[in-house]
Each structure stands twice: as structure tokens, then as C-alpha cells.
N, C-alpha and C. Protein backbone atom coordinates (compact mmCIF):
# COMPACT_ATOMS: atom_id res chain seq x y z
N UNK A 1 149.20 159.67 84.39
CA UNK A 1 149.52 158.49 85.17
C UNK A 1 149.54 157.24 85.00
N UNK A 2 150.53 156.15 84.96
CA UNK A 2 150.21 155.12 84.41
C UNK A 2 148.95 154.28 85.68
N UNK A 3 149.11 153.20 84.99
CA UNK A 3 147.98 152.36 86.06
C UNK A 3 149.08 151.77 87.08
N UNK A 4 150.10 151.38 86.30
CA UNK A 4 151.03 151.01 87.65
C UNK A 4 151.45 151.86 88.61
N UNK A 5 151.69 152.96 88.25
CA UNK A 5 151.97 154.47 89.04
C UNK A 5 150.91 154.75 90.54
N UNK A 6 149.77 154.38 89.45
CA UNK A 6 148.53 154.72 90.24
C UNK A 6 148.71 153.24 91.73
N UNK A 7 148.80 152.11 91.04
CA UNK A 7 148.99 151.14 91.88
C UNK A 7 149.60 151.12 92.98
N UNK A 8 151.35 151.79 92.56
CA UNK A 8 152.26 151.95 93.47
C UNK A 8 151.78 153.10 94.71
N UNK A 9 151.23 153.80 94.15
CA UNK A 9 150.59 155.05 95.21
C UNK A 9 149.09 154.07 96.52
N UNK A 10 149.10 153.25 95.63
CA UNK A 10 147.57 152.39 96.42
C UNK A 10 148.36 151.53 97.49
N UNK A 11 149.70 151.13 96.96
CA UNK A 11 150.06 150.01 97.82
C UNK A 11 150.28 150.61 99.03
N UNK A 12 151.59 152.14 98.26
CA UNK A 12 152.15 152.66 99.85
C UNK A 12 150.90 152.85 100.66
N UNK A 13 149.98 154.28 100.52
CA UNK A 13 148.96 154.58 101.14
C UNK A 13 148.32 153.28 101.73
N UNK A 14 147.76 152.31 101.16
CA UNK A 14 146.99 151.08 101.52
C UNK A 14 147.48 150.04 102.27
N UNK A 15 148.78 149.47 102.02
CA UNK A 15 149.91 148.77 102.80
C UNK A 15 150.79 149.15 103.78
N UNK A 16 151.40 150.23 102.96
CA UNK A 16 152.64 150.25 104.12
C UNK A 16 152.24 151.40 105.00
N UNK A 17 151.83 152.55 104.75
CA UNK A 17 151.75 153.61 105.64
C UNK A 17 150.68 153.10 106.95
N UNK A 18 149.44 152.07 106.35
CA UNK A 18 148.43 151.81 107.60
C UNK A 18 149.03 150.52 108.46
N UNK A 19 150.47 150.32 107.87
CA UNK A 19 150.96 149.46 108.96
C UNK A 19 152.78 150.05 109.48
N UNK A 20 151.93 151.30 109.91
CA UNK A 20 153.05 151.97 111.37
C UNK A 20 154.31 151.86 110.26
N UNK A 21 154.02 151.93 109.53
CA UNK A 21 155.84 152.65 108.60
C UNK A 21 155.51 154.08 108.65
N UNK A 22 156.31 154.78 109.32
CA UNK A 22 156.20 156.50 109.21
C UNK A 22 157.48 156.91 108.34
N UNK A 23 158.62 156.31 108.43
CA UNK A 23 160.17 156.53 108.07
C UNK A 23 159.86 156.98 106.51
N UNK A 24 159.84 158.50 106.39
CA UNK A 24 159.92 159.22 104.70
C UNK A 24 160.36 158.67 103.52
N UNK A 25 161.84 158.22 104.33
CA UNK A 25 162.76 157.92 103.34
C UNK A 25 162.55 156.50 102.83
N UNK A 26 162.00 155.51 103.76
CA UNK A 26 161.50 153.91 103.48
C UNK A 26 160.07 154.39 102.36
N UNK A 27 159.14 155.13 102.75
CA UNK A 27 158.05 155.17 101.85
C UNK A 27 158.53 155.92 100.33
N UNK A 28 159.14 156.77 100.51
CA UNK A 28 159.56 157.60 99.02
C UNK A 28 160.63 156.40 98.33
N UNK A 29 161.33 155.75 98.92
CA UNK A 29 161.58 154.79 97.93
C UNK A 29 160.76 153.76 97.60
N UNK A 30 159.68 153.14 98.21
CA UNK A 30 158.74 152.55 97.69
C UNK A 30 157.78 153.08 96.61
N UNK A 31 157.70 154.39 96.82
CA UNK A 31 157.01 155.11 95.33
C UNK A 31 157.94 155.51 94.18
N UNK A 32 158.97 155.16 94.64
CA UNK A 32 159.81 155.12 93.18
C UNK A 32 160.33 154.33 92.70
N UNK A 33 160.39 152.93 93.27
CA UNK A 33 160.79 151.66 92.90
C UNK A 33 159.46 151.13 92.03
N UNK A 34 159.53 150.81 90.78
CA UNK A 34 158.52 150.49 89.94
C UNK A 34 158.55 148.69 90.27
N UNK A 35 158.16 148.22 91.34
CA UNK A 35 157.59 146.62 91.71
C UNK A 35 157.60 145.74 90.41
N UNK A 36 156.80 146.69 89.54
CA UNK A 36 156.66 145.31 88.30
C UNK A 36 157.49 145.09 87.84
N UNK A 37 158.27 145.80 87.57
CA UNK A 37 159.90 145.62 86.90
C UNK A 37 160.38 144.07 87.39
N UNK A 38 160.56 143.95 88.64
CA UNK A 38 160.89 142.64 89.37
C UNK A 38 160.45 141.58 89.17
N UNK A 39 159.29 141.11 88.68
CA UNK A 39 157.95 139.78 88.83
C UNK A 39 158.09 139.56 87.17
N UNK A 40 158.04 138.66 86.98
CA UNK A 40 157.90 138.16 85.44
C UNK A 40 156.55 138.72 85.12
N UNK A 41 156.90 138.58 84.05
CA UNK A 41 155.68 139.63 82.97
C UNK A 41 154.33 139.02 83.14
N UNK A 42 154.34 137.90 83.37
CA UNK A 42 152.65 137.35 83.24
C UNK A 42 152.18 137.99 84.59
N UNK A 43 153.04 138.26 85.81
CA UNK A 43 152.27 138.56 87.16
C UNK A 43 152.35 140.03 87.66
N UNK A 44 152.88 140.78 85.86
CA UNK A 44 152.66 142.22 86.03
C UNK A 44 151.63 143.31 86.78
N UNK A 45 150.43 142.23 86.70
CA UNK A 45 149.09 142.98 86.83
C UNK A 45 149.11 142.85 88.38
N UNK A 46 149.84 141.69 89.36
CA UNK A 46 149.21 141.55 90.57
C UNK A 46 150.97 142.01 91.50
N UNK A 47 151.70 142.90 90.74
CA UNK A 47 152.68 143.24 91.33
C UNK A 47 152.43 143.96 92.90
N UNK A 48 151.48 144.42 92.93
CA UNK A 48 151.40 145.23 93.85
C UNK A 48 150.18 145.03 95.17
N UNK A 49 149.94 143.61 94.93
CA UNK A 49 149.09 143.33 95.61
C UNK A 49 149.66 142.58 97.13
N UNK A 50 148.88 142.45 98.10
CA UNK A 50 149.11 142.51 99.46
C UNK A 50 149.27 140.68 99.84
N UNK A 51 150.55 140.51 99.16
CA UNK A 51 151.04 138.91 98.85
C UNK A 51 152.48 139.10 98.16
N UNK A 52 152.75 137.95 98.41
CA UNK A 52 154.40 137.41 98.13
C UNK A 52 154.36 136.98 96.23
N UNK A 53 155.01 137.74 95.87
CA UNK A 53 155.05 137.07 94.56
C UNK A 53 155.68 136.31 94.32
N UNK A 54 155.46 135.31 93.51
CA UNK A 54 156.29 134.16 92.92
C UNK A 54 157.18 134.77 92.27
N UNK A 55 158.61 134.36 91.94
CA UNK A 55 159.35 135.17 90.71
C UNK A 55 160.30 133.99 90.30
N UNK A 56 160.59 133.06 90.84
CA UNK A 56 161.34 131.89 90.60
C UNK A 56 160.72 130.60 89.53
N UNK A 57 161.17 130.09 88.74
CA UNK A 57 160.69 128.84 88.11
C UNK A 57 159.59 127.78 88.98
N UNK A 58 160.14 127.38 89.83
CA UNK A 58 159.44 126.30 91.10
C UNK A 58 158.45 127.12 92.01
N UNK A 59 158.46 128.74 91.88
CA UNK A 59 157.48 128.86 92.80
C UNK A 59 157.67 129.15 94.24
N UNK A 60 159.17 128.66 94.38
CA UNK A 60 159.74 129.03 96.03
C UNK A 60 160.17 129.86 96.32
N UNK A 61 160.86 130.88 95.52
CA UNK A 61 161.47 132.04 95.37
C UNK A 61 160.37 133.10 95.38
N UNK A 62 160.28 134.14 96.46
CA UNK A 62 159.27 135.33 96.12
C UNK A 62 159.67 136.67 96.11
N UNK A 63 159.03 137.73 95.64
CA UNK A 63 159.12 139.10 96.51
C UNK A 63 158.21 139.28 97.61
N UNK A 64 158.93 139.61 98.76
CA UNK A 64 157.83 139.94 99.97
C UNK A 64 157.46 140.59 99.67
N UNK A 65 156.04 140.87 100.96
CA UNK A 65 154.84 141.50 100.57
C UNK A 65 155.53 142.80 101.11
N UNK A 66 155.05 143.79 100.31
CA UNK A 66 155.31 145.21 100.57
C UNK A 66 155.07 145.58 101.70
N UNK A 67 154.43 145.49 103.09
CA UNK A 67 154.71 145.96 104.09
C UNK A 67 155.40 145.38 104.93
N UNK A 68 155.52 143.96 104.59
CA UNK A 68 156.25 143.11 105.53
C UNK A 68 158.07 143.95 105.27
N UNK A 69 158.38 143.95 103.87
CA UNK A 69 159.47 144.50 103.52
C UNK A 69 159.88 145.92 104.31
N UNK A 70 158.97 146.86 103.87
CA UNK A 70 158.97 148.05 104.49
C UNK A 70 159.20 148.02 106.20
N UNK A 71 158.05 147.00 106.78
CA UNK A 71 158.68 147.41 108.22
C UNK A 71 160.23 146.92 108.69
N UNK A 72 160.46 146.19 107.51
CA UNK A 72 161.85 145.33 107.96
C UNK A 72 163.03 146.31 107.95
N UNK A 73 162.50 146.96 106.72
CA UNK A 73 163.59 148.27 106.16
C UNK A 73 163.60 149.44 107.43
N UNK A 74 162.73 149.80 107.97
CA UNK A 74 162.30 150.39 108.55
C UNK A 74 163.01 150.26 110.36
N UNK A 75 162.71 149.08 110.41
CA UNK A 75 163.73 148.44 111.74
C UNK A 75 164.80 148.47 111.56
N UNK A 76 165.46 148.31 110.67
CA UNK A 76 167.20 147.87 110.35
C UNK A 76 167.85 149.85 110.28
N UNK A 77 166.57 150.82 110.00
CA UNK A 77 167.17 151.99 110.57
C UNK A 77 168.72 152.42 109.20
N UNK A 78 168.25 152.51 108.20
CA UNK A 78 169.61 152.14 107.01
C UNK A 78 170.04 154.01 106.73
N UNK A 79 170.98 153.95 107.80
CA UNK A 79 171.61 155.78 107.50
C UNK A 79 172.32 155.69 105.87
N UNK A 80 172.16 156.46 105.24
CA UNK A 80 172.73 156.83 103.58
C UNK A 80 174.43 156.73 103.71
N UNK A 81 175.04 156.81 104.80
CA UNK A 81 176.30 156.08 104.67
C UNK A 81 176.54 154.59 104.91
N UNK A 82 175.46 153.99 105.16
CA UNK A 82 175.69 152.58 105.36
C UNK A 82 176.12 151.81 103.92
N UNK A 83 176.62 150.26 104.77
CA UNK A 83 176.67 149.19 103.44
C UNK A 83 175.78 148.06 104.08
N UNK A 84 174.90 147.80 102.53
CA UNK A 84 174.11 146.84 103.05
C UNK A 84 174.18 145.74 102.83
N UNK A 85 173.91 144.05 102.99
CA UNK A 85 174.24 143.31 102.26
C UNK A 85 172.21 142.43 102.85
N UNK A 86 172.30 142.03 101.60
CA UNK A 86 170.93 141.71 101.03
C UNK A 86 170.82 140.38 100.79
N UNK A 87 170.52 139.43 101.52
CA UNK A 87 170.69 137.74 101.45
C UNK A 87 169.33 137.00 100.65
N UNK A 88 170.13 136.61 99.41
CA UNK A 88 168.77 136.14 98.87
C UNK A 88 167.72 137.13 97.72
N UNK A 89 168.40 137.90 97.67
CA UNK A 89 168.10 139.60 96.69
C UNK A 89 166.68 138.57 95.45
N UNK A 90 166.95 137.61 95.58
CA UNK A 90 165.88 136.95 93.88
C UNK A 90 166.14 138.31 92.65
N UNK A 91 164.80 138.37 92.60
CA UNK A 91 165.03 139.45 91.05
C UNK A 91 166.09 141.15 91.14
N UNK A 92 165.73 141.41 92.33
CA UNK A 92 166.45 142.92 93.04
C UNK A 92 165.65 143.59 93.57
N UNK A 93 164.54 143.72 93.67
CA UNK A 93 163.98 144.48 94.38
C UNK A 93 164.15 145.02 95.84
N UNK A 94 164.25 144.25 96.38
CA UNK A 94 164.44 144.62 97.94
C UNK A 94 166.38 145.58 97.41
N UNK A 95 166.91 144.76 96.54
CA UNK A 95 168.14 145.73 96.92
C UNK A 95 168.01 147.28 96.29
N UNK A 96 166.85 147.03 95.28
CA UNK A 96 166.66 148.45 94.59
C UNK A 96 166.20 149.82 95.78
N UNK A 97 165.11 149.21 96.25
CA UNK A 97 164.83 149.85 97.63
C UNK A 97 166.13 150.11 98.44
N UNK A 98 166.42 149.29 98.81
CA UNK A 98 167.52 149.56 100.02
C UNK A 98 168.49 150.55 99.49
N UNK A 99 169.03 150.45 98.25
CA UNK A 99 169.48 151.44 97.47
C UNK A 99 169.51 152.75 97.26
N UNK A 100 168.40 152.67 97.18
CA UNK A 100 167.68 154.61 98.19
C UNK A 100 167.85 155.32 98.93
N UNK A 101 168.02 154.15 100.12
CA UNK A 101 168.70 154.50 101.31
C UNK A 101 169.57 154.59 102.41
N UNK A 102 170.91 153.56 101.65
CA UNK A 102 171.86 153.39 101.65
C UNK A 102 173.26 153.82 100.65
N UNK A 103 174.11 154.04 101.07
CA UNK A 103 175.48 154.21 100.34
C UNK A 103 175.79 153.41 99.19
N UNK A 104 175.56 152.02 100.00
CA UNK A 104 176.11 150.70 98.95
C UNK A 104 175.42 149.51 99.27
N UNK A 105 174.63 148.55 98.37
CA UNK A 105 174.56 147.16 98.44
C UNK A 105 174.69 146.34 98.04
N UNK A 106 175.42 145.64 98.83
CA UNK A 106 175.49 143.97 98.16
C UNK A 106 174.68 143.37 98.11
N UNK A 107 174.27 142.27 96.96
CA UNK A 107 172.93 141.86 96.90
C UNK A 107 173.28 140.10 96.22
N UNK A 108 172.79 139.89 97.47
CA UNK A 108 173.68 138.39 97.17
C UNK A 108 172.64 137.39 96.99
N UNK A 109 172.95 136.04 95.52
CA UNK A 109 171.48 135.39 95.44
C UNK A 109 172.52 134.04 94.87
N UNK A 110 171.77 132.77 95.48
CA UNK A 110 172.89 131.56 95.05
C UNK A 110 171.80 131.29 93.94
N UNK A 111 170.51 131.74 93.14
CA UNK A 111 170.00 130.81 92.22
C UNK A 111 170.59 131.99 90.96
N UNK A 112 171.61 131.23 89.58
CA UNK A 112 171.85 131.95 89.11
C UNK A 112 170.93 132.32 87.98
N UNK A 113 170.02 132.42 87.64
CA UNK A 113 168.91 132.72 86.96
C UNK A 113 168.45 133.61 88.03
N UNK A 114 167.85 133.75 88.70
CA UNK A 114 167.91 135.29 89.45
C UNK A 114 168.53 135.84 89.77
N UNK A 115 169.91 135.70 90.06
CA UNK A 115 171.15 136.94 89.73
C UNK A 115 171.27 137.77 88.38
N UNK A 116 171.10 136.59 87.62
CA UNK A 116 171.18 137.23 86.67
C UNK A 116 170.10 138.10 86.20
N UNK A 117 168.68 137.89 86.36
CA UNK A 117 167.68 138.62 86.15
C UNK A 117 168.00 140.25 87.22
N UNK A 118 168.44 139.91 88.67
CA UNK A 118 168.38 140.92 89.17
C UNK A 118 169.61 141.94 88.81
N UNK A 119 170.44 141.34 88.27
CA UNK A 119 171.54 142.13 87.52
C UNK A 119 170.86 143.02 86.31
N UNK A 120 170.48 142.37 85.41
CA UNK A 120 169.39 143.12 84.15
C UNK A 120 167.75 144.18 85.10
N UNK A 121 168.12 143.80 85.97
CA UNK A 121 166.59 144.75 86.62
C UNK A 121 167.11 146.05 86.72
N UNK A 122 168.25 145.84 87.95
CA UNK A 122 169.17 146.87 88.02
C UNK A 122 169.85 147.76 87.43
N UNK A 123 170.24 147.21 86.20
CA UNK A 123 171.19 148.20 85.19
C UNK A 123 170.04 148.47 84.36
N UNK A 124 168.88 147.93 84.30
CA UNK A 124 167.84 148.66 83.39
C UNK A 124 167.16 149.89 84.08
N UNK A 125 167.19 149.68 85.33
CA UNK A 125 166.76 151.20 85.98
C UNK A 125 167.79 152.33 86.54
N UNK A 126 169.29 151.72 86.19
CA UNK A 126 169.98 152.26 86.71
C UNK A 126 170.71 152.83 88.04
N UNK A 127 170.28 151.50 88.62
CA UNK A 127 170.78 151.41 89.90
C UNK A 127 172.39 151.51 90.01
N UNK A 128 173.01 151.81 90.49
CA UNK A 128 174.40 152.56 90.09
C UNK A 128 175.44 151.31 91.56
N UNK A 129 174.81 151.60 92.86
CA UNK A 129 175.15 151.56 93.90
C UNK A 129 174.29 149.58 94.52
N UNK A 130 174.66 149.08 93.64
CA UNK A 130 174.65 147.62 93.98
C UNK A 130 175.49 146.80 92.95
N UNK A 131 176.02 145.89 94.24
CA UNK A 131 176.64 144.98 93.07
C UNK A 131 175.82 143.40 93.38
N UNK A 132 175.53 142.41 92.26
CA UNK A 132 175.15 141.18 92.59
C UNK A 132 176.07 140.31 92.66
N UNK A 133 176.18 139.67 93.83
CA UNK A 133 177.27 138.51 93.48
C UNK A 133 176.38 137.04 94.27
N UNK A 134 177.23 135.98 93.63
CA UNK A 134 176.50 134.51 93.04
C UNK A 134 176.73 133.63 94.83
N UNK A 135 176.71 133.42 95.32
CA UNK A 135 177.40 132.05 96.52
C UNK A 135 176.01 131.49 97.19
N UNK A 136 176.47 130.65 98.01
CA UNK A 136 175.49 129.98 99.26
C UNK A 136 175.23 131.40 100.21
N UNK A 137 173.53 131.28 100.57
CA UNK A 137 173.12 132.38 101.03
C UNK A 137 173.63 132.39 102.47
N UNK A 138 173.78 130.37 102.98
CA UNK A 138 173.81 130.32 104.16
C UNK A 138 175.41 131.13 104.56
N UNK A 139 176.33 131.76 103.37
CA UNK A 139 177.69 131.88 103.96
C UNK A 139 177.66 133.51 104.37
N UNK A 140 176.73 133.92 103.92
CA UNK A 140 177.23 135.23 103.79
C UNK A 140 177.69 135.53 102.53
N UNK A 141 178.63 137.12 102.80
CA UNK A 141 179.36 137.67 101.85
C UNK A 141 180.58 137.85 102.51
N UNK A 142 181.21 137.36 103.22
CA UNK A 142 182.16 137.59 104.54
C UNK A 142 183.19 138.73 103.43
N UNK A 143 183.84 138.49 101.86
CA UNK A 143 184.62 139.93 101.35
C UNK A 143 184.32 140.48 101.72
N UNK A 144 183.20 141.08 101.75
CA UNK A 144 183.20 142.68 101.83
C UNK A 144 182.54 143.54 103.25
N UNK A 145 182.30 142.04 104.34
CA UNK A 145 182.17 142.58 105.53
C UNK A 145 183.12 143.20 105.95
N UNK A 146 182.67 144.23 107.23
CA UNK A 146 181.61 144.31 107.92
C UNK A 146 180.44 144.59 107.37
N UNK A 147 179.47 144.51 107.74
CA UNK A 147 178.35 145.44 106.97
C UNK A 147 177.18 146.50 108.26
N UNK A 148 176.61 147.62 108.05
CA UNK A 148 176.09 148.06 108.96
C UNK A 148 174.46 147.67 108.75
N UNK A 149 174.17 146.70 107.97
CA UNK A 149 173.10 146.39 107.87
C UNK A 149 172.91 145.21 107.09
N UNK A 150 172.05 144.12 107.89
CA UNK A 150 171.94 142.37 106.82
C UNK A 150 170.31 142.27 107.30
N UNK A 151 169.91 142.17 105.78
CA UNK A 151 168.56 141.55 105.44
C UNK A 151 168.33 140.96 104.79
N UNK A 152 167.74 139.89 105.46
CA UNK A 152 167.57 138.47 105.06
C UNK A 152 165.68 138.66 104.18
N UNK A 153 165.97 138.30 103.16
CA UNK A 153 165.18 138.81 101.98
C UNK A 153 164.12 137.97 102.17
N UNK A 154 163.58 136.86 103.41
CA UNK A 154 162.91 135.48 102.91
C UNK A 154 163.06 135.22 104.76
N UNK A 155 162.05 134.04 104.68
CA UNK A 155 162.22 134.02 106.46
C UNK A 155 163.06 132.54 106.40
N UNK A 156 163.52 132.68 108.15
CA UNK A 156 164.86 131.33 108.55
C UNK A 156 164.43 130.85 109.32
N UNK A 157 164.87 129.66 109.79
CA UNK A 157 164.68 129.02 111.10
C UNK A 157 165.68 128.68 112.07
N UNK A 158 166.95 128.98 111.05
CA UNK A 158 168.33 129.47 112.31
C UNK A 158 168.93 130.17 111.46
N UNK A 159 169.79 130.87 112.04
CA UNK A 159 170.81 131.90 111.55
C UNK A 159 172.40 131.43 111.97
N UNK A 160 172.83 131.32 111.02
CA UNK A 160 173.78 130.85 110.78
C UNK A 160 175.17 131.40 111.60
N UNK A 161 176.10 131.09 112.57
CA UNK A 161 176.92 131.96 113.07
C UNK A 161 178.18 133.18 112.20
N UNK A 162 177.98 132.57 110.90
CA UNK A 162 178.78 133.20 110.03
C UNK A 162 178.47 134.66 110.41
N UNK A 163 177.06 134.99 110.01
CA UNK A 163 176.53 136.37 110.17
C UNK A 163 176.86 137.16 111.21
N UNK A 164 176.98 136.38 112.65
CA UNK A 164 177.68 137.44 113.91
C UNK A 164 179.03 138.01 113.45
N UNK A 165 179.55 137.43 112.33
CA UNK A 165 181.00 138.19 112.42
C UNK A 165 180.83 138.86 111.28
N UNK A 166 179.93 139.08 110.86
CA UNK A 166 179.44 139.86 109.41
C UNK A 166 178.82 141.17 109.49
N UNK A 167 178.47 141.45 110.34
CA UNK A 167 177.50 142.61 110.82
C UNK A 167 178.53 143.40 111.72
N UNK A 168 178.73 144.88 111.78
CA UNK A 168 179.50 145.77 112.05
C UNK A 168 179.11 146.01 113.50
N UNK A 169 180.03 146.49 114.45
CA UNK A 169 179.71 146.64 116.05
C UNK A 169 178.34 147.73 115.97
N UNK A 170 177.50 147.73 116.77
CA UNK A 170 176.25 148.41 116.55
C UNK A 170 175.24 148.01 115.13
N UNK A 171 176.22 147.60 114.37
CA UNK A 171 175.15 146.99 113.09
C UNK A 171 173.79 146.48 113.29
N UNK A 172 172.91 146.24 112.35
CA UNK A 172 171.39 145.44 112.55
C UNK A 172 171.65 144.42 111.36
N UNK A 173 170.78 143.60 112.15
CA UNK A 173 170.22 142.52 111.24
C UNK A 173 168.81 142.05 111.21
N UNK A 174 168.23 141.80 110.37
CA UNK A 174 166.39 142.20 110.16
C UNK A 174 166.44 140.48 109.80
N UNK A 175 165.14 139.92 110.08
CA UNK A 175 165.06 138.52 109.29
C UNK A 175 163.07 137.94 110.04
N UNK A 176 162.88 137.06 109.62
CA UNK A 176 161.83 137.10 110.01
C UNK A 176 161.86 135.27 110.60
N UNK A 177 161.83 135.20 111.92
CA UNK A 177 161.99 133.67 112.08
C UNK A 177 161.09 133.02 112.06
N UNK A 178 160.87 131.79 111.27
CA UNK A 178 159.92 130.38 111.33
C UNK A 178 160.16 129.30 111.94
N UNK A 179 160.58 129.46 113.07
CA UNK A 179 161.24 128.03 113.76
C UNK A 179 160.50 127.62 114.99
N UNK A 180 158.80 128.20 115.30
CA UNK A 180 157.82 128.11 116.01
C UNK A 180 156.64 127.94 115.17
N UNK A 181 155.53 128.11 116.14
CA UNK A 181 153.91 128.44 115.70
C UNK A 181 153.35 129.41 115.07
N UNK A 182 154.26 131.10 115.50
CA UNK A 182 154.10 132.15 115.31
C UNK A 182 155.11 132.54 114.73
N UNK A 183 155.44 132.72 113.32
CA UNK A 183 156.60 133.70 112.30
C UNK A 183 156.89 134.70 112.89
N UNK A 184 157.95 135.43 113.83
CA UNK A 184 157.78 136.74 114.20
C UNK A 184 159.25 137.33 113.29
N UNK A 185 159.19 138.51 112.68
CA UNK A 185 160.23 139.61 112.55
C UNK A 185 161.54 139.83 113.52
N UNK A 186 162.46 139.75 113.48
CA UNK A 186 163.34 140.06 114.56
C UNK A 186 164.25 140.88 114.07
N UNK A 187 164.71 142.01 115.27
CA UNK A 187 165.09 142.68 114.73
C UNK A 187 167.06 142.27 115.71
N UNK A 188 168.20 142.18 114.74
CA UNK A 188 169.21 142.10 116.01
C UNK A 188 170.52 143.14 115.96
N UNK A 189 171.21 143.27 116.72
CA UNK A 189 171.86 144.36 116.98
C UNK A 189 173.29 143.51 117.59
N UNK A 190 174.44 144.05 116.62
CA UNK A 190 175.82 143.07 117.00
C UNK A 190 176.27 144.29 117.90
N UNK A 191 176.87 142.92 119.25
CA UNK A 191 177.84 143.51 120.10
C UNK A 191 179.30 143.39 119.69
N UNK A 192 179.43 142.70 120.64
CA UNK A 192 181.23 142.24 120.52
C UNK A 192 181.47 140.68 120.13
N UNK A 193 180.97 140.63 118.81
CA UNK A 193 181.27 139.38 118.66
C UNK A 193 179.90 138.52 118.42
N UNK A 194 178.64 139.36 118.72
CA UNK A 194 177.30 138.27 118.85
C UNK A 194 176.39 139.23 118.70
N UNK A 195 175.02 138.74 118.56
CA UNK A 195 173.87 139.66 117.84
C UNK A 195 173.47 138.82 119.05
N UNK A 196 172.22 139.83 119.40
CA UNK A 196 171.24 140.16 120.77
C UNK A 196 169.75 140.11 119.73
N UNK A 197 169.02 139.67 120.01
CA UNK A 197 168.13 139.85 119.09
C UNK A 197 166.83 140.10 119.52
N UNK A 198 165.62 140.70 119.13
CA UNK A 198 164.53 140.82 119.84
C UNK A 198 163.59 140.75 118.54
N UNK A 199 161.88 140.29 118.99
CA UNK A 199 160.91 140.07 117.99
C UNK A 199 160.52 141.40 117.92
N UNK A 200 160.10 141.67 116.79
CA UNK A 200 159.74 143.34 116.58
C UNK A 200 157.94 143.49 115.83
N UNK A 201 157.59 142.50 115.23
CA UNK A 201 156.19 142.03 114.37
C UNK A 201 155.86 140.85 114.15
N UNK A 202 154.78 140.46 114.29
CA UNK A 202 154.03 139.44 113.58
C UNK A 202 154.22 138.98 112.12
N UNK A 203 155.02 138.33 111.35
CA UNK A 203 155.22 138.25 110.19
C UNK A 203 155.46 136.49 109.87
N UNK A 204 155.01 136.68 107.92
CA UNK A 204 155.07 135.02 107.92
C UNK A 204 155.71 135.35 106.39
N UNK A 205 157.09 134.55 105.70
CA UNK A 205 157.77 134.96 104.78
C UNK A 205 158.02 133.56 103.94
N UNK A 206 157.90 133.37 102.61
CA UNK A 206 158.29 132.25 101.78
C UNK A 206 159.66 132.18 102.55
N UNK A 207 160.70 130.60 102.72
CA UNK A 207 161.88 129.95 103.23
C UNK A 207 162.77 130.40 102.05
N UNK A 208 164.30 130.91 102.79
CA UNK A 208 165.19 130.99 101.99
C UNK A 208 165.82 129.43 102.36
N UNK A 209 166.47 128.92 100.76
CA UNK A 209 167.07 128.07 101.01
C UNK A 209 167.94 127.98 101.92
N UNK A 210 168.25 126.53 102.58
CA UNK A 210 169.31 126.51 103.44
C UNK A 210 169.16 126.98 105.13
N UNK A 211 168.23 127.26 105.14
CA UNK A 211 168.46 127.86 107.02
C UNK A 211 167.22 127.19 107.50
N UNK A 212 167.14 125.78 107.36
CA UNK A 212 165.93 125.07 107.49
C UNK A 212 166.99 124.32 109.04
N UNK A 213 166.09 124.33 109.84
CA UNK A 213 166.56 123.46 111.70
C UNK A 213 166.75 122.16 111.09
N UNK A 214 167.91 121.59 111.55
CA UNK A 214 168.32 120.40 111.27
C UNK A 214 167.42 119.28 111.82
N UNK A 215 166.96 118.22 111.06
CA UNK A 215 166.16 117.50 112.08
C UNK A 215 166.89 116.86 113.35
N UNK A 216 165.61 116.82 114.24
CA UNK A 216 166.35 116.22 115.69
C UNK A 216 166.37 114.75 115.37
N UNK A 217 166.95 114.18 116.16
CA UNK A 217 167.07 112.30 116.57
C UNK A 217 165.39 112.43 117.61
N UNK A 218 164.38 111.62 117.11
CA UNK A 218 163.75 111.21 118.41
C UNK A 218 163.97 109.61 118.58
N UNK A 219 163.86 109.49 120.07
CA UNK A 219 164.37 108.38 120.35
C UNK A 219 162.84 107.49 121.18
């Protein structure tokens, strides 16, 4: 058993199972996908620590903490016939995990270098049910909508209205909202052209670009 395999098992047992993640399909996916393949080689040794791992050159884009990603995926309740949109897929780790749960995954990234790395990583692991596309994260990907699940792979301050039109009726959108002093993960469920949300757990994560709240004028 390799050191990474041992570290992966310890991550699941010590970070994911102990934080109320009980969905066996989610647990199995985290055991199967090699997280170290999705971080820069210089950070492979810390790939399984309980932290957000920077993957972009400027350090602003990260892989979410394993526990946070696992709890978001469990809340999303991805079915094996579902189509999933990942917003801000970075190097493809969240997409690789979701691919174990869903029929198909569309992974959206606006940073060309990250998108190229995501394609390479997913191809190297023979992940065949993920398509990586490039475009503004705040627009989503309406061309392939609707989606049964949308995962925002980072925190946001505001959710653009475009996403309400891209989630199928009864579908779910999961994200981390950092608009107040206590960031929280939220689960949104789509109704008739609208999304109704509720907080599901406390969480913090690096901000996705473009989802900042517009500055308010102070008189």
C-alpha cells in the first residue's frame, strides 16, 4: 500500500466520516480518487491535509477541504442518472469525485491554465463522463442546462440570477455563502423558475472570482 493510499484512507476516516458524512457512495468516491494528482507536484505531500490546497499560480484558487467538499456532495444527493455542473472546477478534483456519483459532469473553468490541467488530470485517470468547458463562471453553462445538481466549487457572496434558470425543477444547487460574518454552506432547491435555500453547515472556502457583492454607496 502506497503512502498516498494510506493518507487517502486516513483523510476519509479522520476528516470525512467524523463530520457526519455517511453516504457510502460519497465515501467510496473519496477513497478512489487520488487527490495528490490534482495538486502541483510541490504540494503532493500535503494533498490530504485538512486544508484548502492552492492550485493556481497566484494562490487564489484551491481544492476545497475534503470535509467541506464531501458534505456539499452529500447534501447535493447526486443520483446515478443526474447531470452535474461544477462551477470553478480548478484542476478537476471535484469533477472527478462527482463523476463517480453522476451520469455526466460538466466542469466549468474560466482560467485557461487550470482548465487545461483539469483536462489532463481527468484524461490521465480515464475519467470519461466529464467535459471541461471554458467560460465566465458567473454565467454558468446554459447551453447544456438544465442540471439536476450545480456545485459551486468555492465560496460566493452573491448568486447570479442566471443559475435559477439552469437548475432543473427539483434540482439542487450547493454552495458556500460568505456574505456575512459567519460563512455557511447552503442548499438551494429549484422550484418554478426560482431557488429556495437554507443553511446546512458552517464552512469557509476561498472565493470564486466574479461572485463578489457590488460595493454599496455610503452617503
